Amino acid sequence: MNKQAGSKNPVDSRAAELDTIAAVLPIDRRDELAELLTDQDIETLRHLVNEGMGENTLRALTSDLAYLQAWSLAATGSSLPWPAPETLLLKFVAHHLWQPEQREVDPQHGMPATVEQSLRDQGFLRTAGPHAPDTVRRRLASWSTLTKWRGLAGAFASPALKSAIRLAVRATPRPRKRKSAKAVTGDVLAQMLATCSTRSLRDIRDRAILMVAFASGGRRRSEIAGLRVEQITVEPPIETDSSPPLPSRAIHLGRTKTSGADQDEVVYLTGRPVEALNAWIDAAKIESGSVFRKVDRWGNVSKRALEPGAVNAIVKQRAEMAGFDSGEFSAHGLRSGYLTEAANRGIPLQEAMEQSRHRSVQQASSYYNSATRRSGRAARLL
């Protein structure tokens, strides 16, 4: 760890610095981060906050930095060197992309048992086996980004590193999985909403979460958890030919994962999702601040917002209550489900993307292509 001027404990000083950027960090692990990260790490994170980096991106960078520091300490006995030598990058790949079959004949293959146990004891490893290639690539990308932010050049583009990753992935092929194995399409969502039939506050809240997340274009769980009353504005009712005017609301997302720095993303809710949202806000007596909050076993509504992970847990719980395998669903299923349902109903891709706020036509169109192929003539030759 770096030396700190004065008599104050360096760990306490780093914890105090972390407090200044707590809003964009996993602050429940603040003390652990203060022990793990160096003074220069904290300064880099503060610099990124001041540069206006998005909250989700900064959380991911912080999480990856913490993991990398913990791995380096366990594997080498020292904090990460900046810039990292190519040998250390290759060691990282070897520790994380290995073949289970090879380990059976060579116990030294892959991550050493002492390193693995250290990471597991600290809560950085929860499952057995090699890491997913995408996870390794993301952590290397974060490592590279943090190196550049320090004004340094690393060996991340070296042919040896690229070759090591390519060979390791080829040796242990893994089928690519979606973030949610199954999409929460309209019929699935209807069955999940049916489990919110009683009038408890949790049922009212969960119904609003499911409907708002889906109808607003499949919002990310972090966007739903972080939604505030101040982001919601009342819009003129939508006139229809066959029913009374439908209530309408706009949700101002501000800067999102895929928007520009100064771009205010806006999505709209109409009809039943608005009614579900209003029912929750009225029942919970929420006038300002976080929209979706914790509800304890006695029905008391907290002043604290739900964690993004709680949104994921709600989706899984409601899926299980509806008779589905909860392991096949996650909060991301609402996002993929929105686009899949739009494709099934013949809504033009560009119109659906205006609501989902996908920037990549290629990514969004994959749901449309799957829906078309599944119901098209090519899949019904017999």
Protein backbone atom coordinates (compact mmCIF):
# COMPACT_ATOMS: atom_id res chain seq x y z
CA MET A 1 0.00 0.00 0.00
CA ASN A 2 1.12 3.56 -0.60
CA LYS A 3 2.36 5.65 2.28
CA GLN A 4 0.01 8.28 3.61
CA ALA A 5 1.12 11.62 5.00
CA GLY A 6 0.35 12.34 8.62
CA SER A 7 -0.60 10.04 11.43
CA LYS A 8 -4.04 9.01 10.17
CA ASN A 9 -4.44 5.34 9.38
CA PRO A 10 -4.08 4.87 5.57
CA VAL A 11 -7.04 2.48 5.45
CA ASP A 12 -9.24 4.98 7.31
CA SER A 13 -8.14 7.70 4.89
CA ARG A 14 -9.02 5.57 1.89
CA ALA A 15 -12.40 4.72 3.43
CA ALA A 16 -13.06 8.44 3.88
CA GLU A 17 -12.12 9.07 0.25
CA LEU A 18 -14.46 6.29 -0.85
CA ASP A 19 -17.26 8.00 1.07
CA THR A 20 -16.98 10.96 -1.30
CA ILE A 21 -17.87 8.74 -4.27
CA ALA A 22 -20.17 6.36 -2.40
CA ALA A 23 -23.11 7.06 -4.68
CA VAL A 24 -21.44 5.23 -7.55
CA LEU A 25 -19.62 2.47 -5.69
CA PRO A 26 -20.71 -0.81 -4.09
CA ILE A 27 -20.49 0.92 -0.72
CA ASP A 28 -21.56 -2.15 1.24
CA ARG A 29 -17.97 -3.32 0.62
CA ARG A 30 -16.39 0.06 1.33
CA ASP A 31 -14.20 -1.18 4.18
CA GLU A 32 -13.00 -4.17 2.15
CA LEU A 33 -12.20 -1.91 -0.80
CA ALA A 34 -10.29 0.45 1.47
CA GLU A 35 -8.13 -2.49 2.61
CA LEU A 36 -7.65 -3.82 -0.91
CA LEU A 37 -7.17 -0.78 -3.12
CA THR A 38 -4.17 1.54 -3.09
CA ASP A 39 -4.16 5.31 -2.70
CA GLN A 40 -3.54 5.62 -6.44
CA ASP A 41 -6.49 3.32 -7.16
CA ILE A 42 -8.78 5.59 -5.14
CA GLU A 43 -7.42 8.67 -6.90
CA THR A 44 -8.08 7.06 -10.29
CA LEU A 45 -11.69 6.30 -9.31
CA ARG A 46 -12.21 9.86 -8.10
CA HIS A 47 -10.83 11.14 -11.39
CA LEU A 48 -13.29 8.97 -13.32
CA VAL A 49 -16.17 10.33 -11.23
CA ASN A 50 -15.08 13.88 -11.98
CA GLU A 51 -14.85 13.03 -15.69
CA GLY A 52 -18.54 12.12 -15.63
CA MET A 53 -18.18 8.40 -16.31
CA GLY A 54 -21.53 6.58 -16.18
CA GLU A 55 -22.46 4.96 -12.86
CA ASN A 56 -22.81 1.43 -14.25
CA THR A 57 -19.47 1.65 -16.07
CA LEU A 58 -17.74 2.95 -12.94
CA ARG A 59 -19.26 0.22 -10.78
CA ALA A 60 -18.01 -2.40 -13.25
CA LEU A 61 -14.53 -0.87 -13.30
CA THR A 62 -14.42 -0.74 -9.51
CA SER A 63 -15.57 -4.34 -9.22
CA ASP A 64 -12.99 -5.51 -11.75
CA LEU A 65 -10.21 -3.47 -10.12
CA ALA A 66 -11.02 -4.99 -6.73
CA TYR A 67 -10.94 -8.49 -8.22
CA LEU A 68 -7.65 -7.83 -10.02
CA GLN A 69 -6.03 -6.46 -6.88
CA ALA A 70 -7.23 -9.43 -4.82
CA TRP A 71 -5.98 -11.86 -7.47
CA SER A 72 -2.59 -10.14 -7.74
CA LEU A 73 -2.09 -10.20 -3.98
CA ALA A 74 -3.03 -13.88 -3.82
CA ALA A 75 -1.02 -14.91 -6.90
CA THR A 76 2.11 -12.77 -6.52
CA GLY A 77 2.04 -11.40 -2.97
CA SER A 78 2.01 -7.82 -4.31
CA SER A 79 -0.51 -5.26 -5.52
CA LEU A 80 -0.97 -4.81 -9.25
CA PRO A 81 2.03 -3.19 -10.92
CA TRP A 82 1.27 -0.32 -13.31
CA PRO A 83 1.73 -0.94 -16.14
CA ALA A 84 1.42 -4.71 -15.86
CA PRO A 85 4.13 -6.73 -17.62
CA GLU A 86 3.08 -9.16 -20.32
CA THR A 87 4.06 -12.11 -18.12
CA LEU A 88 1.50 -11.08 -15.50
CA LEU A 89 -1.24 -10.75 -18.12
CA LEU A 90 -0.42 -14.23 -19.42
CA LYS A 91 -0.50 -15.57 -15.85
CA PHE A 92 -3.98 -14.05 -15.42
CA VAL A 93 -5.21 -15.84 -18.54
CA ALA A 94 -3.64 -19.14 -17.45
CA HIS A 95 -5.27 -18.88 -14.01
CA HIS A 96 -8.75 -18.22 -15.40
CA LEU A 97 -9.06 -20.05 -18.74
CA TRP A 98 -8.12 -23.65 -18.12
CA GLN A 99 -9.36 -27.12 -19.03
CA PRO A 100 -11.09 -29.20 -16.32
CA GLU A 101 -9.98 -32.41 -18.08
CA GLN A 102 -6.34 -31.34 -17.95
CA ARG A 103 -6.56 -30.53 -14.25
CA GLU A 104 -7.62 -34.14 -13.55
CA VAL A 105 -4.21 -35.33 -14.78
CA ASP A 106 -2.23 -32.24 -13.75
CA PRO A 107 -3.29 -30.66 -10.41
CA GLN A 108 -1.00 -27.68 -11.14
CA HIS A 109 -3.00 -26.77 -14.25
CA GLY A 110 -5.06 -23.58 -14.01
CA MET A 111 -5.41 -21.44 -10.90
CA PRO A 112 -3.37 -22.72 -7.92
CA ALA A 113 -5.47 -24.02 -5.05
CA THR A 114 -4.07 -21.44 -2.60
CA VAL A 115 -4.99 -18.56 -4.92
CA GLU A 116 -8.44 -19.98 -5.54
CA GLN A 117 -9.10 -20.44 -1.82
CA SER A 118 -7.95 -16.89 -1.04
CA LEU A 119 -10.35 -15.43 -3.62
CA ARG A 120 -13.13 -17.68 -2.41
CA ASP A 121 -12.63 -16.66 1.23
CA GLN A 122 -12.91 -13.00 0.22
CA GLY A 123 -16.12 -13.60 -1.73
CA PHE A 124 -14.59 -13.03 -5.17
CA LEU A 125 -15.13 -16.63 -6.31
CA ARG A 126 -18.50 -18.32 -5.86
CA THR A 127 -18.52 -21.07 -8.47
CA ALA A 128 -16.09 -23.82 -9.41
CA GLY A 129 -14.37 -24.24 -12.75
CA PRO A 130 -12.75 -21.87 -15.25
CA HIS A 131 -14.10 -18.39 -15.87
CA ALA A 132 -16.26 -17.50 -18.85
CA PRO A 133 -14.12 -16.09 -21.68
CA ASP A 134 -16.28 -12.95 -21.80
CA THR A 135 -15.58 -12.32 -18.10
CA VAL A 136 -11.84 -12.65 -18.65
CA ARG A 137 -11.95 -10.35 -21.67
CA ARG A 138 -13.98 -7.77 -19.74
CA ARG A 139 -11.57 -7.75 -16.81
CA LEU A 140 -8.61 -7.41 -19.14
CA ALA A 141 -10.41 -4.54 -20.89
CA SER A 142 -11.03 -2.87 -17.52
CA TRP A 143 -7.37 -3.40 -16.63
CA SER A 144 -6.37 -1.78 -19.93
CA THR A 145 -8.77 1.14 -19.42
CA LEU A 146 -7.46 1.85 -15.93
CA THR A 147 -3.89 1.65 -17.23
CA LYS A 148 -4.65 4.27 -19.89
CA TRP A 149 -6.37 6.52 -17.34
CA ARG A 150 -3.10 6.50 -15.39
CA GLY A 151 -1.32 7.78 -18.50
CA LEU A 152 0.50 4.49 -19.08
CA ALA A 153 0.72 1.97 -21.92
CA GLY A 154 0.23 -1.73 -21.31
CA ALA A 155 0.86 -4.93 -23.22
CA PHE A 156 -2.83 -5.67 -23.72
CA ALA A 157 -2.52 -5.70 -27.52
CA SER A 158 0.49 -8.02 -27.57
CA PRO A 159 0.28 -10.97 -30.03
CA ALA A 160 1.24 -13.38 -27.24
CA LEU A 161 -1.72 -12.33 -25.08
CA LYS A 162 -4.21 -12.46 -27.96
CA SER A 163 -2.89 -15.88 -28.97
CA ALA A 164 -3.12 -17.21 -25.39
CA ILE A 165 -6.76 -16.15 -25.09
CA ARG A 166 -7.67 -17.53 -28.51
CA LEU A 167 -6.03 -20.91 -27.84
CA ALA A 168 -7.53 -21.17 -24.34
CA VAL A 169 -11.05 -20.45 -25.61
CA ARG A 170 -10.66 -22.90 -28.48
CA ALA A 171 -9.42 -25.63 -26.13
CA THR A 172 -12.42 -25.28 -23.83
CA PRO A 173 -15.45 -24.33 -25.96
CA ARG A 174 -18.43 -22.97 -24.05
CA PRO A 175 -21.87 -22.41 -25.58
CA ARG A 176 -22.78 -18.72 -25.56
CA LYS A 177 -25.69 -18.06 -23.21
CA ARG A 178 -28.03 -15.12 -23.01
CA LYS A 179 -28.13 -13.12 -19.78
CA SER A 180 -31.56 -14.61 -19.27
CA ALA A 181 -32.04 -18.12 -20.64
CA LYS A 182 -35.68 -17.33 -21.45
CA ALA A 183 -37.34 -14.09 -22.45
CA VAL A 184 -40.24 -12.76 -20.40
CA THR A 185 -42.68 -12.43 -23.29
CA GLY A 186 -46.27 -11.21 -22.96
CA ASP A 187 -47.77 -14.58 -22.05
CA VAL A 188 -45.07 -15.28 -19.44
CA LEU A 189 -45.45 -11.78 -17.99
CA ALA A 190 -49.21 -12.25 -17.66
CA GLN A 191 -48.69 -15.38 -15.57
CA MET A 192 -46.13 -13.61 -13.39
CA LEU A 193 -48.50 -10.67 -12.87
CA ALA A 194 -51.21 -13.11 -11.83
CA THR A 195 -49.10 -13.99 -8.77
CA CYS A 196 -49.45 -10.36 -7.64
CA SER A 197 -53.18 -10.80 -7.09
CA THR A 198 -53.36 -10.06 -3.35
CA ARG A 199 -53.35 -6.48 -2.12
CA SER A 200 -50.20 -6.55 0.01
CA LEU A 201 -47.70 -3.75 -0.55
CA ARG A 202 -45.17 -6.21 -1.92
CA ASP A 203 -47.65 -7.45 -4.50
CA ILE A 204 -48.52 -3.90 -5.53
CA ARG A 205 -44.83 -2.99 -5.76
CA ASP A 206 -43.81 -6.12 -7.67
CA ARG A 207 -46.68 -5.69 -10.12
CA ALA A 208 -45.55 -2.11 -10.80
CA ILE A 209 -41.90 -3.18 -11.19
CA LEU A 210 -42.73 -5.90 -13.71
CA MET A 211 -45.09 -3.74 -15.74
CA VAL A 212 -42.95 -0.61 -15.74
CA ALA A 213 -39.71 -2.48 -16.54
CA PHE A 214 -41.32 -4.34 -19.44
CA ALA A 215 -43.51 -1.59 -20.92
CA SER A 216 -40.79 1.07 -20.79
CA GLY A 217 -38.77 -0.94 -23.30
CA GLY A 218 -37.27 -3.55 -21.02
CA ARG A 219 -35.39 -1.27 -18.68
CA ARG A 220 -32.21 -2.53 -17.06
CA ARG A 221 -32.50 -3.56 -13.43
CA SER A 222 -30.19 -0.72 -12.36
CA GLU A 223 -32.50 1.79 -14.07
CA ILE A 224 -35.57 0.39 -12.33
CA ALA A 225 -33.84 0.25 -8.93
CA GLY A 226 -32.55 3.80 -9.34
CA LEU A 227 -35.80 5.31 -10.65
CA ARG A 228 -36.85 8.45 -8.79
CA VAL A 229 -40.16 10.31 -8.65
CA GLU A 230 -38.44 13.38 -10.06
CA GLN A 231 -37.73 11.48 -13.29
CA ILE A 232 -41.43 10.89 -14.00
CA THR A 233 -43.59 13.52 -15.69
CA VAL A 234 -47.29 13.51 -16.54
CA GLU A 235 -48.11 13.54 -20.26
CA PRO A 236 -51.43 14.32 -22.00
CA PRO A 237 -53.76 11.28 -22.09
CA ILE A 238 -53.70 9.15 -25.24
CA GLU A 239 -57.01 9.30 -27.12
CA THR A 240 -58.44 6.00 -28.40
CA ASP A 241 -61.47 5.12 -30.52
CA SER A 242 -62.85 2.31 -28.37
CA SER A 243 -62.05 3.25 -24.77
CA PRO A 244 -61.56 6.27 -22.49
CA PRO A 245 -58.30 8.20 -22.87
CA LEU A 246 -55.30 6.28 -21.54
CA PRO A 247 -53.03 7.83 -18.87
CA SER A 248 -49.51 8.57 -20.05
CA ARG A 249 -46.22 9.18 -18.27
CA ALA A 250 -42.69 9.98 -19.45
CA ILE A 251 -39.61 8.58 -17.72
CA HIS A 252 -36.51 10.73 -18.09
CA LEU A 253 -33.61 8.31 -17.87
CA GLY A 254 -30.89 10.94 -18.21
CA ARG A 255 -27.56 9.47 -19.22
CA THR A 256 -27.72 5.72 -19.80
CA LYS A 257 -25.27 2.94 -20.65
CA THR A 258 -25.58 3.64 -24.39
CA SER A 259 -26.37 7.37 -24.54
CA GLY A 260 -24.10 10.36 -24.96
CA ALA A 261 -22.81 12.39 -22.03
CA ASP A 262 -25.35 15.20 -22.44
CA GLN A 263 -28.24 13.17 -23.84
CA ASP A 264 -31.47 12.82 -21.83
CA GLU A 265 -33.07 9.52 -22.80
CA VAL A 266 -36.88 9.51 -22.51
CA VAL A 267 -39.27 6.55 -22.67
CA TYR A 268 -43.04 6.47 -22.25
CA LEU A 269 -45.64 4.50 -20.35
CA THR A 270 -49.28 4.28 -21.42
CA GLY A 271 -52.36 2.68 -19.89
CA ARG A 272 -52.07 -0.26 -17.48
CA PRO A 273 -48.37 0.26 -16.54
CA VAL A 274 -49.21 3.84 -15.53
CA GLU A 275 -52.10 2.61 -13.40
CA ALA A 276 -49.84 0.00 -11.73
CA LEU A 277 -47.16 2.63 -11.05
CA ASN A 278 -49.70 5.09 -9.62
CA ALA A 279 -51.19 2.35 -7.43
CA TRP A 280 -47.77 1.63 -5.87
CA ILE A 281 -46.85 5.29 -5.36
CA ASP A 282 -50.22 5.99 -3.72
CA ALA A 283 -50.20 2.86 -1.54
CA ALA A 284 -46.63 3.45 -0.38
CA LYS A 285 -47.26 7.19 0.09
CA ILE A 286 -44.17 8.11 -1.93
CA GLU A 287 -43.91 11.81 -2.70
CA SER A 288 -40.26 12.17 -3.69
CA GLY A 289 -37.02 10.24 -3.98
CA SER A 290 -36.73 6.57 -4.89
CA VAL A 291 -39.81 5.02 -6.47
CA PHE A 292 -39.21 1.34 -5.76
CA ARG A 293 -38.24 0.62 -2.17
CA LYS A 294 -37.83 -2.22 0.27
CA VAL A 295 -40.89 -3.49 2.10
CA ASP A 296 -40.23 -5.38 5.34
CA ARG A 297 -42.18 -8.37 6.62
CA TRP A 298 -44.54 -6.11 8.54
CA GLY A 299 -45.42 -4.05 5.48
CA ASN A 300 -43.29 -1.02 6.34
CA VAL A 301 -41.88 0.86 3.35
CA SER A 302 -38.22 1.81 3.65
CA LYS A 303 -36.81 5.17 2.62
CA ARG A 304 -34.02 3.29 0.85
CA ALA A 305 -34.19 2.26 -2.79
CA LEU A 306 -34.12 -1.37 -3.84
CA GLU A 307 -30.76 -2.74 -4.88
CA PRO A 308 -30.49 -3.79 -8.56
CA GLY A 309 -30.04 -7.36 -7.37
CA ALA A 310 -33.42 -7.18 -5.62
CA VAL A 311 -35.12 -6.49 -8.97
CA ASN A 312 -33.53 -9.65 -10.32
CA ALA A 313 -34.70 -11.59 -7.25
CA ILE A 314 -38.26 -10.33 -7.72
CA VAL A 315 -38.33 -11.54 -11.33
CA LYS A 316 -37.06 -14.96 -10.28
CA GLN A 317 -39.50 -15.20 -7.36
CA ARG A 318 -42.50 -14.28 -9.48
CA ALA A 319 -41.42 -16.70 -12.20
CA GLU A 320 -41.23 -19.51 -9.65
CA MET A 321 -44.61 -18.57 -8.17
CA ALA A 322 -46.05 -18.73 -11.68
CA GLY A 323 -44.82 -22.30 -12.07
CA PHE A 324 -41.67 -21.63 -14.12
CA ASP A 325 -38.08 -22.67 -13.42
CA SER A 326 -36.66 -19.56 -11.76
CA GLY A 327 -33.18 -20.48 -12.95
CA GLU A 328 -34.25 -19.79 -16.52
CA PHE A 329 -35.31 -16.20 -15.88
CA SER A 330 -33.62 -13.00 -14.77
CA ALA A 331 -34.29 -9.28 -14.90
CA HIS A 332 -32.68 -9.15 -18.33
CA GLY A 333 -35.47 -11.42 -19.52
CA LEU A 334 -37.78 -8.40 -19.35
CA ARG A 335 -35.50 -6.56 -21.78
CA SER A 336 -35.16 -9.41 -24.24
CA GLY A 337 -38.85 -10.23 -23.73
CA TYR A 338 -39.92 -6.73 -24.73
CA LEU A 339 -38.13 -6.96 -28.09
CA THR A 340 -39.25 -10.54 -28.67
CA GLU A 341 -42.87 -9.60 -27.97
CA ALA A 342 -42.59 -6.55 -30.24
CA ALA A 343 -41.31 -8.80 -33.02
CA ASN A 344 -44.11 -11.32 -32.44
CA ARG A 345 -46.70 -8.52 -32.74
CA GLY A 346 -45.21 -7.13 -35.93
CA ILE A 347 -44.02 -3.82 -34.44
CA PRO A 348 -41.29 -2.31 -36.65
CA LEU A 349 -37.78 -2.71 -35.27
CA GLN A 350 -37.01 1.01 -35.27
CA GLU A 351 -40.19 1.77 -33.32
CA ALA A 352 -39.32 -0.84 -30.68
CA MET A 353 -35.76 0.50 -30.45
CA GLU A 354 -37.10 3.99 -29.75
CA GLN A 355 -38.59 2.56 -26.55
CA SER A 356 -35.88 0.04 -25.63
CA ARG A 357 -33.16 2.61 -26.41
CA HIS A 358 -30.94 -0.03 -28.01
CA ARG A 359 -28.24 1.73 -30.00
CA SER A 360 -27.12 -1.33 -31.94
CA VAL A 361 -29.49 -2.43 -34.70
CA GLN A 362 -27.54 -5.69 -34.93
CA GLN A 363 -28.16 -6.52 -31.27
CA ALA A 364 -31.83 -5.56 -31.29
CA SER A 365 -32.53 -7.28 -34.60
CA SER A 366 -31.30 -10.61 -33.23
CA TYR A 367 -34.56 -10.92 -31.29
CA TYR A 368 -36.54 -10.09 -34.41
CA ASN A 369 -34.63 -12.59 -36.51
CA SER A 370 -35.25 -15.35 -33.95
CA ALA A 371 -38.98 -14.59 -33.82
CA THR A 372 -39.24 -14.54 -37.62
CA ARG A 373 -37.29 -17.77 -38.05
CA ARG A 374 -39.32 -19.57 -35.38
CA SER A 375 -42.67 -18.74 -36.95
CA GLY A 376 -41.58 -18.57 -40.60
CA ARG A 377 -42.07 -21.08 -43.39
CA ALA A 378 -38.47 -22.34 -43.23
CA ALA A 379 -39.15 -23.77 -39.76
CA ARG A 380 -42.40 -25.45 -40.89
CA LEU A 381 -41.39 -27.59 -43.85
CA LEU A 382 -43.03 -30.68 -42.32
